[in-house]
PDB file of all heavy atoms in Angstrom:
ATOM      1  N   HIS A   1     -60.604 -28.454-229.126  1.00  0.00           N
ATOM      2  CA  HIS A   1     -59.836 -29.327-228.234  1.00  0.00           C
ATOM      3  C   HIS A   1     -60.519 -29.431-226.868  1.00  0.00           C
ATOM      4  O   HIS A   1     -60.706 -30.531-226.339  1.00  0.00           O
ATOM      5  CB  HIS A   1     -58.405 -28.805-228.070  1.00  0.00           C
ATOM      6  CG  HIS A   1     -57.652 -29.514-226.988  1.00  0.00           C
ATOM      7  ND1 HIS A   1     -57.136 -30.778-227.150  1.00  0.00           N
ATOM      8  CD2 HIS A   1     -57.356 -29.150-225.714  1.00  0.00           C
ATOM      9  CE1 HIS A   1     -56.549 -31.153-226.026  1.00  0.00           C
ATOM     10  NE2 HIS A   1     -56.670 -30.184-225.141  1.00  0.00           N
ATOM     11  N   PHE A   2     -60.905 -28.294-226.292  1.00  0.00           N
ATOM     12  CA  PHE A   2     -61.508 -28.324-224.963  1.00  0.00           C
ATOM     13  C   PHE A   2     -62.904 -28.936-224.977  1.00  0.00           C
ATOM     14  O   PHE A   2     -63.325 -29.542-223.992  1.00  0.00           O
ATOM     15  CB  PHE A   2     -61.516 -26.930-224.333  1.00  0.00           C
ATOM     16  CG  PHE A   2     -60.167 -26.541-223.805  1.00  0.00           C
ATOM     17  CD1 PHE A   2     -59.472 -25.487-224.352  1.00  0.00           C
ATOM     18  CD2 PHE A   2     -59.581 -27.244-222.770  1.00  0.00           C
ATOM     19  CE1 PHE A   2     -58.219 -25.133-223.876  1.00  0.00           C
ATOM     20  CE2 PHE A   2     -58.332 -26.904-222.283  1.00  0.00           C
ATOM     21  CZ  PHE A   2     -57.645 -25.843-222.842  1.00  0.00           C
ATOM     22  N   GLU A   3     -63.635 -28.819-226.066  1.00  0.00           N
ATOM     23  CA  GLU A   3     -64.927 -29.504-226.175  1.00  0.00           C
ATOM     24  C   GLU A   3     -64.718 -31.016-226.109  1.00  0.00           C
ATOM     25  O   GLU A   3     -65.464 -31.727-225.435  1.00  0.00           O
ATOM     26  CB  GLU A   3     -65.629 -29.128-227.486  1.00  0.00           C
ATOM     27  CG  GLU A   3     -66.178 -27.730-227.491  1.00  0.00           C
ATOM     28  CD  GLU A   3     -66.719 -27.309-228.856  1.00  0.00           C
ATOM     29  OE1 GLU A   3     -66.248 -27.829-229.899  1.00  0.00           O
ATOM     30  OE2 GLU A   3     -67.607 -26.437-228.877  1.00  0.00           O
ATOM     31  N   ARG A   4     -63.690 -31.504-226.798  1.00  0.00           N
ATOM     32  CA  ARG A   4     -63.388 -32.934-226.793  1.00  0.00           C
ATOM     33  C   ARG A   4     -62.901 -33.393-225.423  1.00  0.00           C
ATOM     34  O   ARG A   4     -63.243 -34.478-224.961  1.00  0.00           O
ATOM     35  CB  ARG A   4     -62.362 -33.253-227.878  1.00  0.00           C
ATOM     36  CG  ARG A   4     -62.929 -33.035-229.282  1.00  0.00           C
ATOM     37  CD  ARG A   4     -61.917 -33.276-230.371  1.00  0.00           C
ATOM     38  NE  ARG A   4     -61.602 -34.705-230.410  1.00  0.00           N
ATOM     39  CZ  ARG A   4     -60.425 -35.191-230.754  1.00  0.00           C
ATOM     40  NH1 ARG A   4     -59.447 -34.390-231.112  1.00  0.00           N
ATOM     41  NH2 ARG A   4     -60.227 -36.493-230.769  1.00  0.00           N
ATOM     42  N   VAL A   5     -62.104 -32.572-224.745  1.00  0.00           N
ATOM     43  CA  VAL A   5     -61.626 -32.915-223.399  1.00  0.00           C
ATOM     44  C   VAL A   5     -62.796 -32.938-222.424  1.00  0.00           C
ATOM     45  O   VAL A   5     -62.967 -33.881-221.655  1.00  0.00           O
ATOM     46  CB  VAL A   5     -60.541 -31.917-222.921  1.00  0.00           C
ATOM     47  CG1 VAL A   5     -60.254 -32.078-221.434  1.00  0.00           C
ATOM     48  CG2 VAL A   5     -59.264 -32.086-223.730  1.00  0.00           C
ATOM     49  N   GLU A   6     -63.612 -31.905-222.468  1.00  0.00           N
ATOM     50  CA  GLU A   6     -64.740 -31.774-221.540  1.00  0.00           C
ATOM     51  C   GLU A   6     -65.748 -32.908-221.710  1.00  0.00           C
ATOM     52  O   GLU A   6     -66.300 -33.418-220.739  1.00  0.00           O
ATOM     53  CB  GLU A   6     -65.406 -30.408-221.748  1.00  0.00           C
ATOM     54  CG  GLU A   6     -66.360 -30.015-220.643  1.00  0.00           C
ATOM     55  CD  GLU A   6     -67.812 -30.286-221.003  1.00  0.00           C
ATOM     56  OE1 GLU A   6     -68.139 -30.450-222.180  1.00  0.00           O
ATOM     57  OE2 GLU A   6     -68.622 -30.351-220.064  1.00  0.00           O
ATOM     58  N   SER A   7     -65.967 -33.358-222.936  1.00  0.00           N
ATOM     59  CA  SER A   7     -66.939 -34.417-223.199  1.00  0.00           C
ATOM     60  C   SER A   7     -66.365 -35.810-222.939  1.00  0.00           C
ATOM     61  O   SER A   7     -67.095 -36.791-222.962  1.00  0.00           O
ATOM     62  CB  SER A   7     -67.429 -34.337-224.645  1.00  0.00           C
ATOM     63  OG  SER A   7     -66.393 -34.736-225.533  1.00  0.00           O
ATOM     64  N   GLY A   8     -65.053 -35.890-222.714  1.00  0.00           N
ATOM     65  CA  GLY A   8     -64.426 -37.188-222.494  1.00  0.00           C
ATOM     66  C   GLY A   8     -64.088 -37.910-223.791  1.00  0.00           C
ATOM     67  O   GLY A   8     -63.681 -39.063-223.784  1.00  0.00           O
ATOM     68  N   GLU A   9     -64.255 -37.236-224.916  1.00  0.00           N
ATOM     69  CA  GLU A   9     -63.996 -37.837-226.226  1.00  0.00           C
ATOM     70  C   GLU A   9     -62.511 -38.101-226.455  1.00  0.00           C
ATOM     71  O   GLU A   9     -62.137 -39.043-227.145  1.00  0.00           O
ATOM     72  CB  GLU A   9     -64.531 -36.902-227.320  1.00  0.00           C
ATOM     73  CG  GLU A   9     -64.369 -37.413-228.723  1.00  0.00           C
ATOM     74  CD  GLU A   9     -64.855 -36.400-229.746  1.00  0.00           C
ATOM     75  OE1 GLU A   9     -65.752 -35.603-229.433  1.00  0.00           O
ATOM     76  OE2 GLU A   9     -64.324 -36.419-230.859  1.00  0.00           O
ATOM     77  N   VAL A  10     -61.681 -37.275-225.887  1.00  0.00           N
ATOM     78  CA  VAL A  10     -60.237 -37.439-226.043  1.00  0.00           C
ATOM     79  C   VAL A  10     -59.638 -37.810-224.693  1.00  0.00           C
ATOM     80  O   VAL A  10     -60.064 -37.299-223.658  1.00  0.00           O
ATOM     81  CB  VAL A  10     -59.589 -36.151-226.611  1.00  0.00           C
ATOM     82  CG1 VAL A  10     -59.686 -35.008-225.641  1.00  0.00           C
ATOM     83  CG2 VAL A  10     -58.140 -36.373-226.983  1.00  0.00           C
ATOM     84  N   LYS A  11     -58.693 -38.725-224.728  1.00  0.00           N
ATOM     85  CA  LYS A  11     -58.018 -39.132-223.497  1.00  0.00           C
ATOM     86  C   LYS A  11     -56.571 -38.678-223.583  1.00  0.00           C
ATOM     87  O   LYS A  11     -55.892 -38.931-224.571  1.00  0.00           O
ATOM     88  CB  LYS A  11     -58.073 -40.635-223.320  1.00  0.00           C
ATOM     89  CG  LYS A  11     -57.403 -41.067-222.043  1.00  0.00           C
ATOM     90  CD  LYS A  11     -57.555 -42.523-221.801  1.00  0.00           C
ATOM     91  CE  LYS A  11     -56.878 -42.843-220.484  1.00  0.00           C
ATOM     92  NZ  LYS A  11     -56.935 -44.241-220.193  1.00  0.00           N
ATOM     93  N   ILE A  12     -56.123 -38.024-222.555  1.00  0.00           N
ATOM     94  CA  ILE A  12     -54.770 -37.494-222.536  1.00  0.00           C
ATOM     95  C   ILE A  12     -54.006 -38.158-221.402  1.00  0.00           C
ATOM     96  O   ILE A  12     -54.517 -38.296-220.292  1.00  0.00           O
ATOM     97  CB  ILE A  12     -54.784 -35.963-222.366  1.00  0.00           C
ATOM     98  CG1 ILE A  12     -55.490 -35.349-223.563  1.00  0.00           C
ATOM     99  CG2 ILE A  12     -53.383 -35.418-222.198  1.00  0.00           C
ATOM    100  CD1 ILE A  12     -55.787 -33.902-223.442  1.00  0.00           C
ATOM    101  N   SER A  13     -52.794 -38.555-221.692  1.00  0.00           N
ATOM    102  CA  SER A  13     -51.951 -39.193-220.695  1.00  0.00           C
ATOM    103  C   SER A  13     -50.654 -38.409-220.579  1.00  0.00           C
ATOM    104  O   SER A  13     -50.043 -38.070-221.585  1.00  0.00           O
ATOM    105  CB  SER A  13     -51.645 -40.627-221.133  1.00  0.00           C
ATOM    106  OG  SER A  13     -50.777 -41.240-220.231  1.00  0.00           O
ATOM    107  N   LEU A  14     -50.268 -38.112-219.366  1.00  0.00           N
ATOM    108  CA  LEU A  14     -49.042 -37.365-219.123  1.00  0.00           C
ATOM    109  C   LEU A  14     -48.026 -38.253-218.431  1.00  0.00           C
ATOM    110  O   LEU A  14     -48.370 -39.026-217.545  1.00  0.00           O
ATOM    111  CB  LEU A  14     -49.329 -36.148-218.237  1.00  0.00           C
ATOM    112  CG  LEU A  14     -50.366 -35.167-218.754  1.00  0.00           C
ATOM    113  CD1 LEU A  14     -50.657 -34.120-217.690  1.00  0.00           C
ATOM    114  CD2 LEU A  14     -49.893 -34.518-220.028  1.00  0.00           C
ATOM    115  N   LYS A  15     -46.776 -38.121-218.835  1.00  0.00           N
ATOM    116  CA  LYS A  15     -45.705 -38.843-218.166  1.00  0.00           C
ATOM    117  C   LYS A  15     -45.553 -38.243-216.774  1.00  0.00           C
ATOM    118  O   LYS A  15     -45.459 -37.033-216.622  1.00  0.00           O
ATOM    119  CB  LYS A  15     -44.398 -38.690-218.948  1.00  0.00           C
ATOM    120  CG  LYS A  15     -43.217 -39.346-218.272  1.00  0.00           C
ATOM    121  CD  LYS A  15     -41.956 -39.121-219.073  1.00  0.00           C
ATOM    122  CE  LYS A  15     -40.760 -39.653-218.332  1.00  0.00           C
ATOM    123  NZ  LYS A  15     -39.517 -39.383-219.033  1.00  0.00           N
ATOM    124  N   PRO A  16     -45.535 -39.082-215.737  1.00  0.00           N
ATOM    125  CA  PRO A  16     -45.358 -38.524-214.392  1.00  0.00           C
ATOM    126  C   PRO A  16     -43.998 -37.849-214.282  1.00  0.00           C
ATOM    127  O   PRO A  16     -43.005 -38.357-214.787  1.00  0.00           O
ATOM    128  CB  PRO A  16     -45.448 -39.743-213.479  1.00  0.00           C
ATOM    129  CG  PRO A  16     -45.280 -40.932-214.352  1.00  0.00           C
ATOM    130  CD  PRO A  16     -45.605 -40.535-215.744  1.00  0.00           C
ATOM    131  N   GLN A  17     -43.978 -36.688-213.667  1.00  0.00           N
ATOM    132  CA  GLN A  17     -42.718 -35.959-213.511  1.00  0.00           C
ATOM    133  C   GLN A  17     -41.851 -36.574-212.429  1.00  0.00           C
ATOM    134  O   GLN A  17     -40.639 -36.581-212.526  1.00  0.00           O
ATOM    135  CB  GLN A  17     -42.986 -34.495-213.186  1.00  0.00           C
ATOM    136  CG  GLN A  17     -43.521 -33.737-214.353  1.00  0.00           C
ATOM    137  CD  GLN A  17     -43.622 -32.254-214.054  1.00  0.00           C
ATOM    138  OE1 GLN A  17     -43.801 -31.845-212.919  1.00  0.00           O
ATOM    139  NE2 GLN A  17     -43.515 -31.450-215.081  1.00  0.00           N
ATOM    140  N   ALA A  18     -42.469 -37.098-211.411  1.00  0.00           N
ATOM    141  CA  ALA A  18     -41.710 -37.627-210.274  1.00  0.00           C
ATOM    142  C   ALA A  18     -41.626 -39.149-210.369  1.00  0.00           C
ATOM    143  O   ALA A  18     -42.090 -39.866-209.488  1.00  0.00           O
ATOM    144  CB  ALA A  18     -42.361 -37.191-208.969  1.00  0.00           C
ATOM    145  N   VAL A  19     -41.020 -39.661-211.468  1.00  0.00           N
ATOM    146  CA  VAL A  19     -40.934 -41.110-211.656  1.00  0.00           C
ATOM    147  C   VAL A  19     -40.145 -41.774-210.525  1.00  0.00           C
ATOM    148  O   VAL A  19     -40.345 -42.959-210.254  1.00  0.00           O
ATOM    149  CB  VAL A  19     -40.325 -41.493-213.026  1.00  0.00           C
ATOM    150  CG1 VAL A  19     -41.268 -41.137-214.148  1.00  0.00           C
ATOM    151  CG2 VAL A  19     -38.976 -40.856-213.231  1.00  0.00           C
ATOM    152  N   TYR A  20     -39.299 -41.027-209.867  1.00  0.00           N
ATOM    153  CA  TYR A  20     -38.525 -41.585-208.762  1.00  0.00           C
ATOM    154  C   TYR A  20     -39.421 -42.017-207.604  1.00  0.00           C
ATOM    155  O   TYR A  20     -39.001 -42.773-206.721  1.00  0.00           O
ATOM    156  CB  TYR A  20     -37.470 -40.586-208.276  1.00  0.00           C
ATOM    157  CG  TYR A  20     -38.035 -39.306-207.724  1.00  0.00           C
ATOM    158  CD1 TYR A  20     -38.353 -39.184-206.374  1.00  0.00           C
ATOM    159  CD2 TYR A  20     -38.281 -38.216-208.564  1.00  0.00           C
ATOM    160  CE1 TYR A  20     -38.889 -38.021-205.861  1.00  0.00           C
ATOM    161  CE2 TYR A  20     -38.823 -37.045-208.063  1.00  0.00           C
ATOM    162  CZ  TYR A  20     -39.123 -36.952-206.713  1.00  0.00           C
ATOM    163  OH  TYR A  20     -39.672 -35.791-206.220  1.00  0.00           O
ATOM    164  N   LYS A  21     -40.693 -41.573-207.597  1.00  0.00           N
ATOM    165  CA  LYS A  21     -41.619 -41.953-206.532  1.00  0.00           C
ATOM    166  C   LYS A  21     -42.374 -43.245-206.838  1.00  0.00           C
ATOM    167  O   LYS A  21     -43.077 -43.761-205.978  1.00  0.00           O
ATOM    168  CB  LYS A  21     -42.618 -40.828-206.272  1.00  0.00           C
ATOM    169  CG  LYS A  21     -41.994 -39.599-205.650  1.00  0.00           C
ATOM    170  CD  LYS A  21     -43.034 -38.572-205.292  1.00  0.00           C
ATOM    171  CE  LYS A  21     -42.392 -37.390-204.597  1.00  0.00           C
ATOM    172  NZ  LYS A  21     -43.385 -36.430-204.142  1.00  0.00           N
ATOM    173  N   LEU A  22     -42.244 -43.773-208.050  1.00  0.00           N
ATOM    174  CA  LEU A  22     -42.941 -45.009-208.411  1.00  0.00           C
ATOM    175  C   LEU A  22     -42.678 -46.153-207.425  1.00  0.00           C
ATOM    176  O   LEU A  22     -43.615 -46.868-207.061  1.00  0.00           O
ATOM    177  CB  LEU A  22     -42.581 -45.441-209.837  1.00  0.00           C
ATOM    178  CG  LEU A  22     -43.348 -44.751-210.957  1.00  0.00           C
ATOM    179  CD1 LEU A  22     -42.778 -45.141-212.314  1.00  0.00           C
ATOM    180  CD2 LEU A  22     -44.822 -45.062-210.887  1.00  0.00           C
ATOM    181  N   PRO A  23     -41.430 -46.362-206.991  1.00  0.00           N
ATOM    182  CA  PRO A  23     -41.198 -47.463-206.050  1.00  0.00           C
ATOM    183  C   PRO A  23     -41.961 -47.327-204.736  1.00  0.00           C
ATOM    184  O   PRO A  23     -42.197 -48.322-204.053  1.00  0.00           O
ATOM    185  CB  PRO A  23     -39.683 -47.406-205.796  1.00  0.00           C
ATOM    186  CG  PRO A  23     -39.115 -46.720-206.983  1.00  0.00           C
ATOM    187  CD  PRO A  23     -40.174 -45.731-207.408  1.00  0.00           C
ATOM    188  N   GLU A  24     -42.368 -46.117-204.382  1.00  0.00           N
ATOM    189  CA  GLU A  24     -43.134 -45.913-203.148  1.00  0.00           C
ATOM    190  C   GLU A  24     -44.562 -46.430-203.284  1.00  0.00           C
ATOM    191  O   GLU A  24     -45.177 -46.818-202.300  1.00  0.00           O
ATOM    192  CB  GLU A  24     -43.164 -44.430-202.782  1.00  0.00           C
ATOM    193  CG  GLU A  24     -41.820 -43.842-202.436  1.00  0.00           C
ATOM    194  CD  GLU A  24     -41.878 -42.326-202.247  1.00  0.00           C
ATOM    195  OE1 GLU A  24     -42.973 -41.777-202.001  1.00  0.00           O
ATOM    196  OE2 GLU A  24     -40.803 -41.693-202.350  1.00  0.00           O
TER     197      GLU A  24
END
């Protein structure tokens, strides 16, 4: 997993925790 992350082979997207800040 970390080899793929380090090489850029895998893209990971996380849901922002502070969605209430989007309007800012």
